PDB file of N, CA and C in Angstrom:
ATOM      1  N   MET A   1       0.860  -1.177   0.000  1.00  0.00           N
ATOM      2  CA  MET A   1       0.000   0.000   0.000  1.00  0.00           C
ATOM      3  C   MET A   1       0.900   1.231   0.000  1.00  0.00           C
ATOM      4  N   ASP A   2       0.643   2.182  -0.862  1.00  0.00           N
ATOM      5  CA  ASP A   2       1.465   3.378  -0.931  1.00  0.00           C
ATOM      6  C   ASP A   2       1.006   4.421   0.092  1.00  0.00           C
ATOM      7  N   LEU A   3       1.813   5.425   0.279  1.00  0.00           N
ATOM      8  CA  LEU A   3       1.562   6.452   1.286  1.00  0.00           C
ATOM      9  C   LEU A   3       0.233   7.167   1.067  1.00  0.00           C
ATOM     10  N   GLU A   4      -0.078   7.511  -0.158  1.00  0.00           N
ATOM     11  CA  GLU A   4      -1.330   8.217  -0.438  1.00  0.00           C
ATOM     12  C   GLU A   4      -2.544   7.382  -0.060  1.00  0.00           C
ATOM     13  N   SER A   5      -2.480   6.103  -0.333  1.00  0.00           N
ATOM     14  CA  SER A   5      -3.592   5.208   0.032  1.00  0.00           C
ATOM     15  C   SER A   5      -3.749   5.132   1.544  1.00  0.00           C
ATOM     16  N   VAL A   6      -2.638   5.055   2.222  1.00  0.00           N
ATOM     17  CA  VAL A   6      -2.681   5.016   3.690  1.00  0.00           C
ATOM     18  C   VAL A   6      -3.281   6.302   4.230  1.00  0.00           C
ATOM     19  N   LEU A   7      -2.838   7.429   3.709  1.00  0.00           N
ATOM     20  CA  LEU A   7      -3.355   8.716   4.180  1.00  0.00           C
ATOM     21  C   LEU A   7      -4.852   8.845   3.936  1.00  0.00           C
ATOM     22  N   LEU A   8      -5.307   8.402   2.777  1.00  0.00           N
ATOM     23  CA  LEU A   8      -6.746   8.442   2.492  1.00  0.00           C
ATOM     24  C   LEU A   8      -7.519   7.578   3.478  1.00  0.00           C
ATOM     25  N   GLU A   9      -7.000   6.415   3.781  1.00  0.00           N
ATOM     26  CA  GLU A   9      -7.650   5.525   4.741  1.00  0.00           C
ATOM     27  C   GLU A   9      -7.682   6.156   6.125  1.00  0.00           C
ATOM     28  N   VAL A  10      -6.562   6.705   6.546  1.00  0.00           N
ATOM     29  CA  VAL A  10      -6.466   7.291   7.888  1.00  0.00           C
ATOM     30  C   VAL A  10      -7.417   8.479   8.026  1.00  0.00           C
ATOM     31  N   GLN A  11      -7.626   9.237   6.976  1.00  0.00           N
ATOM     32  CA  GLN A  11      -8.530  10.393   7.036  1.00  0.00           C
ATOM     33  C   GLN A  11      -9.963   9.982   7.371  1.00  0.00           C
ATOM     34  N   SER A  12     -10.301   8.739   7.108  1.00  0.00           N
ATOM     35  CA  SER A  12     -11.662   8.283   7.398  1.00  0.00           C
ATOM     36  C   SER A  12     -11.821   7.823   8.854  1.00  0.00           C
ATOM     37  N   TRP A  13     -10.737   7.730   9.580  1.00  0.00           N
ATOM     38  CA  TRP A  13     -10.778   7.289  10.970  1.00  0.00           C
ATOM     39  C   TRP A  13     -11.293   8.399  11.883  1.00  0.00           C
ATOM     40  N   PRO A  14     -11.832   8.043  13.028  1.00  0.00           N
ATOM     41  CA  PRO A  14     -12.218   9.054  14.022  1.00  0.00           C
ATOM     42  C   PRO A  14     -10.969   9.798  14.529  1.00  0.00           C
ATOM     43  N   PRO A  15     -11.126  11.051  14.927  1.00  0.00           N
ATOM     44  CA  PRO A  15      -9.964  11.844  15.365  1.00  0.00           C
ATOM     45  C   PRO A  15      -9.140  11.183  16.469  1.00  0.00           C
ATOM     46  N   GLU A  16      -9.795  10.539  17.430  1.00  0.00           N
ATOM     47  CA  GLU A  16      -9.020   9.934  18.523  1.00  0.00           C
ATOM     48  C   GLU A  16      -8.140   8.786  18.026  1.00  0.00           C
ATOM     49  N   ASP A  17      -8.593   8.046  17.012  1.00  0.00           N
ATOM     50  CA  ASP A  17      -7.761   6.983  16.432  1.00  0.00           C
ATOM     51  C   ASP A  17      -6.588   7.577  15.653  1.00  0.00           C
ATOM     52  N   ARG A  18      -6.839   8.662  14.943  1.00  0.00           N
ATOM     53  CA  ARG A  18      -5.753   9.317  14.208  1.00  0.00           C
ATOM     54  C   ARG A  18      -4.701   9.846  15.171  1.00  0.00           C
ATOM     55  N   LEU A  19      -5.164  10.406  16.291  1.00  0.00           N
ATOM     56  CA  LEU A  19      -4.222  10.917  17.285  1.00  0.00           C
ATOM     57  C   LEU A  19      -3.385   9.790  17.874  1.00  0.00           C
ATOM     58  N   ARG A  20      -4.010   8.658  18.160  1.00  0.00           N
ATOM     59  CA  ARG A  20      -3.250   7.506  18.669  1.00  0.00           C
ATOM     60  C   ARG A  20      -2.211   7.048  17.653  1.00  0.00           C
ATOM     61  N   LEU A  21      -2.575   7.057  16.373  1.00  0.00           N
ATOM     62  CA  LEU A  21      -1.617   6.694  15.332  1.00  0.00           C
ATOM     63  C   LEU A  21      -0.435   7.664  15.332  1.00  0.00           C
ATOM     64  N   ILE A  22      -0.725   8.938  15.399  1.00  0.00           N
ATOM     65  CA  ILE A  22       0.339   9.956  15.417  1.00  0.00           C
ATOM     66  C   ILE A  22       1.265   9.726  16.606  1.00  0.00           C
ATOM     67  N   GLU A  23       0.686   9.474  17.771  1.00  0.00           N
ATOM     68  CA  GLU A  23       1.492   9.252  18.966  1.00  0.00           C
ATOM     69  C   GLU A  23       2.402   8.033  18.801  1.00  0.00           C
ATOM     70  N   ARG A  24       1.858   6.964  18.253  1.00  0.00           N
ATOM     71  CA  ARG A  24       2.661   5.743  18.098  1.00  0.00           C
ATOM     72  C   ARG A  24       3.763   5.932  17.057  1.00  0.00           C
ATOM     73  N   VAL A  25       3.454   6.629  15.972  1.00  0.00           N
ATOM     74  CA  VAL A  25       4.487   6.895  14.963  1.00  0.00           C
ATOM     75  C   VAL A  25       5.564   7.786  15.569  1.00  0.00           C
ATOM     76  N   TRP A  26       5.153   8.840  16.284  1.00  0.00           N
ATOM     77  CA  TRP A  26       6.111   9.762  16.903  1.00  0.00           C
ATOM     78  C   TRP A  26       6.995   9.022  17.904  1.00  0.00           C
ATOM     79  N   ASP A  27       6.379   8.193  18.755  1.00  0.00           N
ATOM     80  CA  ASP A  27       7.150   7.439  19.742  1.00  0.00           C
ATOM     81  C   ASP A  27       8.149   6.518  19.052  1.00  0.00           C
ATOM     82  N   GLY A  28       7.730   5.916  17.954  1.00  0.00           N
ATOM     83  CA  GLY A  28       8.638   5.056  17.209  1.00  0.00           C
ATOM     84  C   GLY A  28       9.813   5.818  16.626  1.00  0.00           C
ATOM     85  N   LEU A  29       9.557   7.029  16.163  1.00  0.00           N
ATOM     86  CA  LEU A  29      10.634   7.861  15.627  1.00  0.00           C
ATOM     87  C   LEU A  29      11.581   8.304  16.725  1.00  0.00           C
ATOM     88  N   SER A  30      11.014   8.716  17.852  1.00  0.00           N
ATOM     89  CA  SER A  30      11.864   9.220  18.925  1.00  0.00           C
ATOM     90  C   SER A  30      12.724   8.113  19.519  1.00  0.00           C
ATOM     91  N   ASP A  31      12.238   6.873  19.484  1.00  0.00           N
ATOM     92  CA  ASP A  31      13.036   5.747  19.972  1.00  0.00           C
ATOM     93  C   ASP A  31      14.235   5.486  19.069  1.00  0.00           C
ATOM     94  N   GLN A  32      14.107   5.785  17.796  1.00  0.00           N
ATOM     95  CA  GLN A  32      15.163   5.498  16.821  1.00  0.00           C
ATOM     96  C   GLN A  32      16.035   6.707  16.510  1.00  0.00           C
ATOM     97  N   ALA A  33      15.585   7.875  16.909  1.00  0.00           N
ATOM     98  CA  ALA A  33      16.270   9.104  16.516  1.00  0.00           C
ATOM     99  C   ALA A  33      17.595   9.267  17.254  1.00  0.00           C
ATOM    100  N   GLU A  34      18.546   9.811  16.551  1.00  0.00           N
ATOM    101  CA  GLU A  34      19.822  10.167  17.154  1.00  0.00           C
ATOM    102  C   GLU A  34      19.738  11.608  17.610  1.00  0.00           C
ATOM    103  N   GLU A  35      20.449  11.901  18.671  1.00  0.00           N
ATOM    104  CA  GLU A  35      20.495  13.276  19.140  1.00  0.00           C
ATOM    105  C   GLU A  35      21.276  14.115  18.130  1.00  0.00           C
ATOM    106  N   PRO A  36      20.693  15.206  17.671  1.00  0.00           N
ATOM    107  CA  PRO A  36      21.441  16.044  16.725  1.00  0.00           C
ATOM    108  C   PRO A  36      22.611  16.728  17.427  1.00  0.00           C
ATOM    109  N   GLU A  37      23.690  16.892  16.711  1.00  0.00           N
ATOM    110  CA  GLU A  37      24.846  17.580  17.274  1.00  0.00           C
ATOM    111  C   GLU A  37      24.616  19.086  17.170  1.00  0.00           C
ATOM    112  N   LEU A  38      24.910  19.775  18.248  1.00  0.00           N
ATOM    113  CA  LEU A  38      24.729  21.219  18.254  1.00  0.00           C
ATOM    114  C   LEU A  38      25.858  21.875  17.469  1.00  0.00           C
ATOM    115  N   THR A  39      25.483  22.815  16.623  1.00  0.00           N
ATOM    116  CA  THR A  39      26.488  23.581  15.898  1.00  0.00           C
ATOM    117  C   THR A  39      27.053  24.639  16.838  1.00  0.00           C
ATOM    118  N   GLU A  40      28.193  25.169  16.496  1.00  0.00           N
ATOM    119  CA  GLU A  40      28.782  26.248  17.298  1.00  0.00           C
ATOM    120  C   GLU A  40      27.855  27.462  17.340  1.00  0.00           C
ATOM    121  N   GLU A  41      27.186  27.728  16.222  1.00  0.00           N
ATOM    122  CA  GLU A  41      26.254  28.855  16.156  1.00  0.00           C
ATOM    123  C   GLU A  41      25.102  28.663  17.142  1.00  0.00           C
ATOM    124  N   LEU A  42      24.547  27.467  17.185  1.00  0.00           N
ATOM    125  CA  LEU A  42      23.445  27.198  18.103  1.00  0.00           C
ATOM    126  C   LEU A  42      23.916  27.220  19.553  1.00  0.00           C
ATOM    127  N   LYS A  43      25.095  26.666  19.824  1.00  0.00           N
ATOM    128  CA  LYS A  43      25.653  26.717  21.176  1.00  0.00           C
ATOM    129  C   LYS A  43      25.810  28.162  21.632  1.00  0.00           C
ATOM    130  N   SER A  44      26.312  29.002  20.744  1.00  0.00           N
ATOM    131  CA  SER A  44      26.503  30.414  21.058  1.00  0.00           C
ATOM    132  C   SER A  44      25.168  31.092  21.364  1.00  0.00           C
ATOM    133  N   LEU A  45      24.156  30.803  20.553  1.00  0.00           N
ATOM    134  CA  LEU A  45      22.824  31.370  20.779  1.00  0.00           C
ATOM    135  C   LEU A  45      22.276  30.933  22.131  1.00  0.00           C
ATOM    136  N   LEU A  46      22.395  29.651  22.453  1.00  0.00           N
ATOM    137  CA  LEU A  46      21.912  29.152  23.744  1.00  0.00           C
ATOM    138  C   LEU A  46      22.672  29.794  24.900  1.00  0.00           C
ATOM    139  N   ASP A  47      23.985  29.962  24.751  1.00  0.00           N
ATOM    140  CA  ASP A  47      24.773  30.622  25.796  1.00  0.00           C
ATOM    141  C   ASP A  47      24.318  32.067  26.008  1.00  0.00           C
ATOM    142  N   ARG A  48      24.035  32.782  24.913  1.00  0.00           N
ATOM    143  CA  ARG A  48      23.559  34.174  25.035  1.00  0.00           C
ATOM    144  C   ARG A  48      22.207  34.221  25.741  1.00  0.00           C
ATOM    145  N   ARG A  49      21.330  33.289  25.402  1.00  0.00           N
ATOM    146  CA  ARG A  49      20.009  33.276  26.034  1.00  0.00           C
ATOM    147  C   ARG A  49      20.101  32.925  27.514  1.00  0.00           C
ATOM    148  N   LEU A  50      20.964  31.975  27.853  1.00  0.00           N
ATOM    149  CA  LEU A  50      21.152  31.640  29.270  1.00  0.00           C
ATOM    150  C   LEU A  50      21.746  32.816  30.035  1.00  0.00           C
ATOM    151  N   ALA A  51      22.692  33.510  29.435  1.00  0.00           N
ATOM    152  CA  ALA A  51      23.285  34.681  30.077  1.00  0.00           C
ATOM    153  C   ALA A  51      22.237  35.762  30.280  1.00  0.00           C
ATOM    154  N   ALA A  52      21.372  35.972  29.293  1.00  0.00           N
ATOM    155  CA  ALA A  52      20.304  36.971  29.423  1.00  0.00           C
ATOM    156  C   ALA A  52      19.351  36.583  30.548  1.00  0.00           C
ATOM    157  N   LEU A  53      19.021  35.322  30.659  1.00  0.00           N
ATOM    158  CA  LEU A  53      18.152  34.859  31.734  1.00  0.00           C
ATOM    159  C   LEU A  53      18.823  35.038  33.090  1.00  0.00           C
ATOM    160  N   ASP A  54      20.105  34.694  33.173  1.00  0.00           N
ATOM    161  CA  ASP A  54      20.832  34.851  34.434  1.00  0.00           C
ATOM    162  C   ASP A  54      20.926  36.309  34.858  1.00  0.00           C
ATOM    163  N   SER A  55      21.068  37.221  33.892  1.00  0.00           N
ATOM    164  CA  SER A  55      21.211  38.637  34.230  1.00  0.00           C
ATOM    165  C   SER A  55      19.889  39.287  34.607  1.00  0.00           C
ATOM    166  N   ASP A  56      18.761  38.730  34.158  1.00  0.00           N
ATOM    167  CA  ASP A  56      17.448  39.311  34.473  1.00  0.00           C
ATOM    168  C   ASP A  56      16.405  38.198  34.533  1.00  0.00           C
ATOM    169  N   PRO A  57      16.424  37.406  35.620  1.00  0.00           N
ATOM    170  CA  PRO A  57      15.523  36.247  35.691  1.00  0.00           C
ATOM    171  C   PRO A  57      14.040  36.600  35.751  1.00  0.00           C
ATOM    172  N   GLU A  58      13.720  37.849  36.035  1.00  0.00           N
ATOM    173  CA  GLU A  58      12.311  38.264  36.083  1.00  0.00           C
ATOM    174  C   GLU A  58      11.756  38.610  34.702  1.00  0.00           C
ATOM    175  N   ASN A  59      12.628  38.740  33.716  1.00  0.00           N
ATOM    176  CA  ASN A  59      12.213  39.121  32.367  1.00  0.00           C
ATOM    177  C   ASN A  59      11.864  37.869  31.559  1.00  0.00           C
ATOM    178  N   VAL A  60      10.778  37.214  31.970  1.00  0.00           N
ATOM    179  CA  VAL A  60      10.334  35.993  31.303  1.00  0.00           C
ATOM    180  C   VAL A  60       8.823  36.055  31.113  1.00  0.00           C
ATOM    181  N   LEU A  61       8.323  35.207  30.240  1.00  0.00           N
ATOM    182  CA  LEU A  61       6.882  35.072  30.050  1.00  0.00           C
ATOM    183  C   LEU A  61       6.446  33.715  30.591  1.00  0.00           C
ATOM    184  N   THR A  62       5.315  33.692  31.241  1.00  0.00           N
ATOM    185  CA  THR A  62       4.765  32.422  31.697  1.00  0.00           C
ATOM    186  C   THR A  62       4.062  31.746  30.528  1.00  0.00           C
ATOM    187  N   TRP A  63       3.777  30.465  30.705  1.00  0.00           N
ATOM    188  CA  TRP A  63       3.023  29.740  29.679  1.00  0.00           C
ATOM    189  C   TRP A  63       1.664  30.388  29.484  1.00  0.00           C
ATOM    190  N   ASP A  64       1.033  30.845  30.571  1.00  0.00           N
ATOM    191  CA  ASP A  64      -0.264  31.515  30.447  1.00  0.00           C
ATOM    192  C   ASP A  64      -0.149  32.800  29.628  1.00  0.00           C
ATOM    193  N   ASP A  65       0.943  33.549  29.819  1.00  0.00           N
ATOM    194  CA  ASP A  65       1.165  34.768  29.024  1.00  0.00           C
ATOM    195  C   ASP A  65       1.284  34.434  27.535  1.00  0.00           C
ATOM    196  N   ILE A  66       2.046  33.407  27.240  1.00  0.00           N
ATOM    197  CA  ILE A  66       2.260  33.021  25.844  1.00  0.00           C
ATOM    198  C   ILE A  66       0.956  32.546  25.217  1.00  0.00           C
ATOM    199  N   ARG A  67       0.216  31.727  25.949  1.00  0.00           N
ATOM    200  CA  ARG A  67      -1.054  31.214  25.431  1.00  0.00           C
ATOM    201  C   ARG A  67      -2.026  32.369  25.176  1.00  0.00           C
ATOM    202  N   ALA A  68      -2.110  33.316  26.101  1.00  0.00           N
ATOM    203  CA  ALA A  68      -2.996  34.463  25.904  1.00  0.00           C
ATOM    204  C   ALA A  68      -2.586  35.278  24.690  1.00  0.00           C
ATOM    205  N   TYR A  69      -1.289  35.451  24.491  1.00  0.00           N
ATOM    206  CA  TYR A  69      -0.806  36.209  23.341  1.00  0.00           C
ATOM    207  C   TYR A  69      -1.165  35.511  22.036  1.00  0.00           C
ATOM    208  N   VAL A  70      -0.983  34.211  21.989  1.00  0.00           N
ATOM    209  CA  VAL A  70      -1.266  33.451  20.769  1.00  0.00           C
ATOM    210  C   VAL A  70      -2.768  33.443  20.466  1.00  0.00           C
ATOM    211  N   ARG A  71      -3.571  33.399  21.498  1.00  0.00           N
ATOM    212  CA  ARG A  71      -5.020  33.296  21.311  1.00  0.00           C
ATOM    213  C   ARG A  71      -5.741  34.644  21.230  1.00  0.00           C
ATOM    214  N   ARG A  72      -4.994  35.726  21.296  1.00  0.00           N
ATOM    215  CA  ARG A  72      -5.634  37.048  21.255  1.00  0.00           C
ATOM    216  C   ARG A  72      -6.335  37.267  19.923  1.00  0.00           C
ATOM    217  N   PRO A  73      -7.431  38.005  19.935  1.00  0.00           N
ATOM    218  CA  PRO A  73      -8.101  38.329  18.659  1.00  0.00           C
ATOM    219  C   PRO A  73      -7.190  39.215  17.808  1.00  0.00           C
ATOM    220  N   ARG A  74      -7.259  39.015  16.545  1.00  0.00           N
ATOM    221  CA  ARG A  74      -6.410  39.801  15.619  1.00  0.00           C
ATOM    222  C   ARG A  74      -7.246  40.720  14.792  1.00  0.00           C
TER     223      ARG A  74
END
């Protein structure tokens, strides 16, 4: 069975079954995945962000703040 046929079949499933399929596929990928190596550029970016957090730990957004921002009317 080719990918398109599988996708067409899966689209007919109830949402909760599709979600379970996604979870199982994702779990299977994460079990096999290798950890990506960090580039020097990414390491530098992470170091800058950690330094910024250390210098001003109060300058952060909570998950509730982020969710409200994303869900705001546009």
